[in-house]
C-alpha cells in the first residue's frame, strides 16, 4: 500500500497512524516535499473514480483567492494540483488498483 501523506496535516497524520496500525508495510509518499506529476494525480483520480476538481481542498487560501469561480478543465486541474500540491485532498491511500481518500481515517478500511 502507498499513502500520499502531508506530515503537517492533522488528518493526514491520523490517516497514516490508522493505516500503520493495520499494515506496517505501507509506503509513505510525502507528495508535497517529493513532488507529484500531473499524470500521477490523473491516475489517482481514475482510481478514486472522481474528477480532478473533487481532489481539491477548497478551503485553502490559494483556491479561494485565485481559483474559485474560474472555469478550469480537468487537465488544467491536474497541472494546478501538481504545481500547488497543498491543494490536494489527503491522505490518499492506494492498495493495488484501488484508492480512497482516507478522511476520516476509517475510510481506509474500504481498501485494506
N, C-alpha and C. Protein backbone atom coordinates (compact mmCIF):
# COMPACT_ATOMS: atom_id res chain seq x y z
N UNK A 1 0.83 -1.18 0.00
CA UNK A 1 0.00 0.00 0.00
C UNK A 1 0.88 1.24 0.00
N UNK A 2 0.35 2.29 -0.57
CA UNK A 2 1.02 3.59 -0.61
C UNK A 2 0.06 4.61 -0.01
N UNK A 3 0.59 5.49 0.82
CA UNK A 3 -0.22 6.59 1.34
C UNK A 3 0.42 7.90 0.91
N UNK A 4 -0.36 8.75 0.28
CA UNK A 4 0.06 10.10 -0.10
C UNK A 4 -0.21 10.97 1.12
N UNK A 5 0.86 11.44 1.72
CA UNK A 5 0.82 11.98 3.08
C UNK A 5 1.45 13.36 3.16
N UNK A 6 0.82 14.23 3.97
CA UNK A 6 1.40 15.53 4.30
C UNK A 6 1.60 15.53 5.82
N UNK A 7 2.85 15.43 6.28
CA UNK A 7 3.10 15.34 7.72
C UNK A 7 2.65 16.56 8.52
N UNK A 8 2.41 17.68 7.86
CA UNK A 8 1.96 18.88 8.56
C UNK A 8 0.44 18.91 8.76
N UNK A 9 -0.26 17.94 8.17
CA UNK A 9 -1.72 17.90 8.22
C UNK A 9 -2.19 16.91 9.30
N UNK A 10 -3.00 17.39 10.22
CA UNK A 10 -3.51 16.56 11.30
C UNK A 10 -4.28 15.36 10.78
N UNK A 11 -5.15 15.56 9.79
CA UNK A 11 -5.94 14.46 9.24
C UNK A 11 -5.06 13.45 8.51
N UNK A 12 -4.04 13.92 7.85
CA UNK A 12 -3.13 13.02 7.15
C UNK A 12 -2.33 12.20 8.17
N UNK A 13 -1.88 12.84 9.25
CA UNK A 13 -1.16 12.10 10.29
C UNK A 13 -2.06 11.05 10.93
N UNK A 14 -3.32 11.39 11.16
CA UNK A 14 -4.27 10.43 11.74
C UNK A 14 -4.49 9.26 10.78
N UNK A 15 -4.60 9.56 9.49
CA UNK A 15 -4.79 8.51 8.50
C UNK A 15 -3.59 7.58 8.43
N UNK A 16 -2.39 8.15 8.47
CA UNK A 16 -1.18 7.33 8.42
C UNK A 16 -1.10 6.43 9.65
N UNK A 17 -1.36 6.98 10.81
CA UNK A 17 -1.32 6.18 12.04
C UNK A 17 -2.36 5.05 11.98
N UNK A 18 -3.54 5.35 11.51
CA UNK A 18 -4.60 4.35 11.39
C UNK A 18 -4.17 3.20 10.48
N UNK A 19 -3.60 3.55 9.34
CA UNK A 19 -3.17 2.54 8.37
C UNK A 19 -2.01 1.72 8.93
N UNK A 20 -1.04 2.38 9.58
CA UNK A 20 0.11 1.66 10.14
C UNK A 20 -0.31 0.65 11.21
N UNK A 21 -1.37 0.94 11.93
CA UNK A 21 -1.86 0.00 12.94
C UNK A 21 -2.40 -1.27 12.28
N UNK A 22 -2.79 -1.18 11.02
CA UNK A 22 -3.36 -2.31 10.31
C UNK A 22 -2.36 -2.99 9.37
N UNK A 23 -1.41 -2.21 8.86
CA UNK A 23 -0.41 -2.76 7.93
C UNK A 23 0.83 -1.87 8.01
N UNK A 24 1.83 -2.35 8.72
CA UNK A 24 3.03 -1.55 8.96
C UNK A 24 3.94 -1.46 7.73
N UNK A 25 3.60 -2.15 6.65
CA UNK A 25 4.45 -2.12 5.46
C UNK A 25 4.05 -1.03 4.47
N UNK A 26 3.20 -0.12 4.88
CA UNK A 26 2.74 0.94 4.00
C UNK A 26 3.92 1.83 3.58
N UNK A 27 3.92 2.21 2.31
CA UNK A 27 4.94 3.13 1.77
C UNK A 27 4.39 4.54 1.86
N UNK A 28 5.15 5.43 2.45
CA UNK A 28 4.72 6.81 2.63
C UNK A 28 5.31 7.68 1.53
N UNK A 29 4.43 8.37 0.81
CA UNK A 29 4.88 9.32 -0.22
C UNK A 29 4.52 10.72 0.27
N UNK A 30 5.53 11.48 0.64
CA UNK A 30 5.33 12.86 1.04
C UNK A 30 5.30 13.72 -0.22
N UNK A 31 4.15 13.77 -0.85
CA UNK A 31 4.00 14.35 -2.18
C UNK A 31 4.28 15.84 -2.24
N UNK A 32 4.15 16.54 -1.14
CA UNK A 32 4.44 17.99 -1.17
C UNK A 32 5.95 18.19 -1.25
N UNK A 33 6.70 17.45 -0.44
CA UNK A 33 8.15 17.57 -0.43
C UNK A 33 8.77 16.92 -1.67
N UNK A 34 8.25 15.75 -2.06
CA UNK A 34 8.83 14.97 -3.17
C UNK A 34 8.33 15.43 -4.54
N UNK A 35 7.17 16.07 -4.58
CA UNK A 35 6.55 16.45 -5.84
C UNK A 35 5.63 15.35 -6.35
N UNK A 36 4.72 15.74 -7.20
CA UNK A 36 3.78 14.80 -7.79
C UNK A 36 3.43 15.29 -9.19
N UNK A 37 3.52 14.40 -10.16
CA UNK A 37 3.29 14.76 -11.56
C UNK A 37 1.80 14.79 -11.88
N UNK A 38 1.40 15.61 -12.85
CA UNK A 38 0.00 15.64 -13.26
C UNK A 38 -0.52 14.26 -13.65
N UNK A 39 0.32 13.46 -14.31
CA UNK A 39 -0.11 12.13 -14.73
C UNK A 39 -0.40 11.23 -13.53
N UNK A 40 0.37 11.38 -12.49
CA UNK A 40 0.16 10.59 -11.27
C UNK A 40 -1.15 10.99 -10.60
N UNK A 41 -1.42 12.28 -10.57
CA UNK A 41 -2.68 12.77 -10.00
C UNK A 41 -3.85 12.27 -10.83
N UNK A 42 -3.69 12.28 -12.15
CA UNK A 42 -4.74 11.77 -13.04
C UNK A 42 -5.03 10.31 -12.79
N UNK A 43 -3.98 9.52 -12.59
CA UNK A 43 -4.17 8.10 -12.29
C UNK A 43 -4.89 7.92 -10.96
N UNK A 44 -4.52 8.73 -9.97
CA UNK A 44 -5.22 8.67 -8.68
C UNK A 44 -6.69 9.01 -8.83
N UNK A 45 -6.99 10.04 -9.62
CA UNK A 45 -8.38 10.43 -9.84
C UNK A 45 -9.17 9.29 -10.48
N UNK A 46 -8.55 8.60 -11.44
CA UNK A 46 -9.21 7.45 -12.06
C UNK A 46 -9.45 6.35 -11.04
N UNK A 47 -8.46 6.07 -10.22
CA UNK A 47 -8.60 5.02 -9.21
C UNK A 47 -9.68 5.38 -8.18
N UNK A 48 -9.79 6.68 -7.88
CA UNK A 48 -10.80 7.15 -6.95
C UNK A 48 -12.18 7.27 -7.60
N UNK A 49 -12.18 7.23 -8.95
CA UNK A 49 -13.40 7.39 -9.73
C UNK A 49 -14.05 8.76 -9.49
N UNK A 50 -13.19 9.79 -9.52
CA UNK A 50 -13.66 11.15 -9.34
C UNK A 50 -12.99 12.07 -10.35
N UNK A 51 -13.54 13.26 -10.52
CA UNK A 51 -12.94 14.29 -11.36
C UNK A 51 -11.80 14.96 -10.59
N UNK A 52 -10.80 15.48 -11.29
CA UNK A 52 -9.69 16.15 -10.60
C UNK A 52 -10.15 17.25 -9.63
N UNK A 53 -11.19 18.00 -10.00
CA UNK A 53 -11.65 19.06 -9.09
C UNK A 53 -12.10 18.50 -7.74
N UNK A 54 -12.61 17.28 -7.72
CA UNK A 54 -13.06 16.68 -6.47
C UNK A 54 -11.90 16.33 -5.54
N UNK A 55 -10.69 16.47 -6.03
CA UNK A 55 -9.49 16.23 -5.22
C UNK A 55 -8.96 17.53 -4.61
N UNK A 56 -9.62 18.65 -4.90
CA UNK A 56 -9.13 19.96 -4.47
C UNK A 56 -9.64 20.31 -3.08
N UNK A 57 -8.72 20.77 -2.25
CA UNK A 57 -9.07 21.30 -0.93
C UNK A 57 -9.53 22.75 -1.12
N UNK A 58 -10.84 22.93 -1.20
CA UNK A 58 -11.41 24.24 -1.50
C UNK A 58 -11.30 25.22 -0.33
N UNK A 59 -10.90 24.76 0.84
CA UNK A 59 -10.73 25.65 1.98
C UNK A 59 -9.37 26.34 1.99
N UNK A 60 -8.48 25.94 1.08
CA UNK A 60 -7.15 26.55 1.00
C UNK A 60 -7.25 27.98 0.46
N UNK A 61 -6.42 28.86 1.02
CA UNK A 61 -6.41 30.27 0.60
C UNK A 61 -6.17 30.42 -0.90
N UNK A 62 -5.21 29.65 -1.42
CA UNK A 62 -4.88 29.79 -2.85
C UNK A 62 -6.10 29.49 -3.71
N UNK A 63 -6.87 28.49 -3.34
CA UNK A 63 -8.08 28.19 -4.11
C UNK A 63 -9.06 29.35 -4.00
N UNK A 64 -9.35 29.79 -2.78
CA UNK A 64 -10.34 30.85 -2.57
C UNK A 64 -9.93 32.16 -3.22
N UNK A 65 -8.63 32.50 -3.13
CA UNK A 65 -8.16 33.80 -3.61
C UNK A 65 -7.89 33.84 -5.11
N UNK A 66 -7.52 32.70 -5.71
CA UNK A 66 -7.06 32.71 -7.10
C UNK A 66 -7.93 31.88 -8.04
N UNK A 67 -8.42 30.75 -7.58
CA UNK A 67 -9.05 29.79 -8.49
C UNK A 67 -10.57 29.74 -8.44
N UNK A 68 -11.15 30.08 -7.32
CA UNK A 68 -12.60 29.95 -7.13
C UNK A 68 -13.36 30.73 -8.18
N UNK A 69 -14.33 30.06 -8.78
CA UNK A 69 -15.19 30.71 -9.75
C UNK A 69 -14.67 30.68 -11.18
N UNK A 70 -13.45 30.23 -11.39
CA UNK A 70 -12.88 30.18 -12.73
C UNK A 70 -13.27 28.87 -13.40
N UNK A 71 -13.41 28.90 -14.70
CA UNK A 71 -13.69 27.69 -15.47
C UNK A 71 -12.35 27.03 -15.80
N UNK A 72 -12.14 25.84 -15.23
CA UNK A 72 -10.86 25.15 -15.34
C UNK A 72 -11.12 23.72 -15.79
N UNK A 73 -10.41 23.28 -16.81
CA UNK A 73 -10.60 21.93 -17.35
C UNK A 73 -9.95 20.89 -16.44
N UNK A 74 -10.30 19.62 -16.66
CA UNK A 74 -9.69 18.54 -15.88
C UNK A 74 -8.18 18.55 -16.03
N UNK A 75 -7.69 18.72 -17.26
CA UNK A 75 -6.25 18.73 -17.50
C UNK A 75 -5.58 19.89 -16.77
N UNK A 76 -6.23 21.04 -16.75
CA UNK A 76 -5.68 22.19 -16.05
C UNK A 76 -5.64 21.94 -14.54
N UNK A 77 -6.68 21.29 -14.01
CA UNK A 77 -6.68 20.96 -12.57
C UNK A 77 -5.51 20.05 -12.24
N UNK A 78 -5.23 19.07 -13.10
CA UNK A 78 -4.10 18.17 -12.85
C UNK A 78 -2.80 18.96 -12.76
N UNK A 79 -2.61 19.91 -13.67
CA UNK A 79 -1.41 20.74 -13.67
C UNK A 79 -1.36 21.62 -12.42
N UNK A 80 -2.50 22.19 -12.06
CA UNK A 80 -2.56 23.05 -10.86
C UNK A 80 -2.23 22.26 -9.61
N UNK A 81 -2.83 21.06 -9.48
CA UNK A 81 -2.57 20.23 -8.30
C UNK A 81 -1.10 19.80 -8.23
N UNK A 82 -0.48 19.60 -9.37
CA UNK A 82 0.93 19.25 -9.39
C UNK A 82 1.79 20.44 -8.97
N UNK A 83 1.43 21.61 -9.43
CA UNK A 83 2.20 22.81 -9.12
C UNK A 83 1.97 23.29 -7.68
N UNK A 84 0.74 23.10 -7.18
CA UNK A 84 0.37 23.51 -5.82
C UNK A 84 -0.16 22.30 -5.06
N UNK A 85 0.71 21.35 -4.72
CA UNK A 85 0.25 20.08 -4.13
C UNK A 85 -0.46 20.23 -2.79
N UNK A 86 -0.32 21.37 -2.13
CA UNK A 86 -1.06 21.58 -0.88
C UNK A 86 -2.57 21.57 -1.12
N UNK A 87 -2.97 21.81 -2.36
CA UNK A 87 -4.40 21.81 -2.70
C UNK A 87 -4.99 20.41 -2.76
N UNK A 88 -4.15 19.39 -2.79
CA UNK A 88 -4.61 18.01 -2.96
C UNK A 88 -5.19 17.48 -1.64
N UNK A 89 -6.41 16.93 -1.72
CA UNK A 89 -7.02 16.32 -0.53
C UNK A 89 -6.15 15.17 -0.06
N UNK A 90 -6.18 14.93 1.24
CA UNK A 90 -5.30 13.94 1.83
C UNK A 90 -5.89 13.35 3.08
N UNK A 91 -5.34 12.22 3.48
CA UNK A 91 -4.40 11.36 2.81
C UNK A 91 -5.09 10.49 1.76
N UNK A 92 -4.37 10.14 0.73
CA UNK A 92 -4.89 9.22 -0.29
C UNK A 92 -4.16 7.91 -0.09
N UNK A 93 -4.93 6.85 0.07
CA UNK A 93 -4.38 5.52 0.28
C UNK A 93 -4.62 4.70 -0.97
N UNK A 94 -3.57 4.04 -1.46
CA UNK A 94 -3.65 3.20 -2.65
C UNK A 94 -3.29 1.77 -2.25
N UNK A 95 -4.13 0.85 -2.67
CA UNK A 95 -3.87 -0.57 -2.44
C UNK A 95 -4.17 -1.28 -3.76
N UNK A 96 -3.11 -1.67 -4.47
CA UNK A 96 -3.29 -2.29 -5.79
C UNK A 96 -3.88 -1.29 -6.77
N UNK A 97 -5.04 -1.62 -7.33
CA UNK A 97 -5.68 -0.72 -8.30
C UNK A 97 -6.85 0.04 -7.68
N UNK A 98 -6.90 0.06 -6.36
CA UNK A 98 -7.97 0.77 -5.66
C UNK A 98 -7.37 1.89 -4.81
N UNK A 99 -8.14 2.95 -4.63
CA UNK A 99 -7.69 4.09 -3.83
C UNK A 99 -8.87 4.68 -3.08
N UNK A 100 -8.55 5.37 -2.00
CA UNK A 100 -9.56 6.05 -1.20
C UNK A 100 -8.91 7.27 -0.56
N UNK A 101 -9.70 8.34 -0.43
CA UNK A 101 -9.25 9.49 0.36
C UNK A 101 -9.65 9.15 1.79
N UNK A 102 -8.66 8.89 2.63
CA UNK A 102 -8.90 8.39 3.99
C UNK A 102 -9.19 9.52 4.96
N UNK A 103 -10.26 10.23 4.72
CA UNK A 103 -10.73 11.30 5.58
C UNK A 103 -12.23 11.13 5.75
N UNK A 104 -12.65 10.60 6.89
CA UNK A 104 -11.87 10.26 8.08
C UNK A 104 -11.01 9.02 7.86
N UNK A 105 -10.11 8.78 8.79
CA UNK A 105 -9.13 7.69 8.67
C UNK A 105 -9.79 6.34 8.46
N UNK A 106 -10.96 6.13 9.02
CA UNK A 106 -11.66 4.85 8.92
C UNK A 106 -12.04 4.49 7.48
N UNK A 107 -12.05 5.48 6.59
CA UNK A 107 -12.34 5.21 5.18
C UNK A 107 -11.30 4.26 4.59
N UNK A 108 -10.13 4.19 5.20
CA UNK A 108 -9.07 3.29 4.73
C UNK A 108 -9.54 1.84 4.75
N UNK A 109 -10.45 1.50 5.66
CA UNK A 109 -10.95 0.13 5.76
C UNK A 109 -11.59 -0.35 4.46
N UNK A 110 -12.04 0.57 3.61
CA UNK A 110 -12.67 0.21 2.35
C UNK A 110 -11.72 -0.55 1.41
N UNK A 111 -10.41 -0.32 1.57
CA UNK A 111 -9.47 -0.97 0.64
C UNK A 111 -8.35 -1.76 1.31
N UNK A 112 -8.32 -1.76 2.63
CA UNK A 112 -7.27 -2.52 3.33
C UNK A 112 -7.60 -4.00 3.23
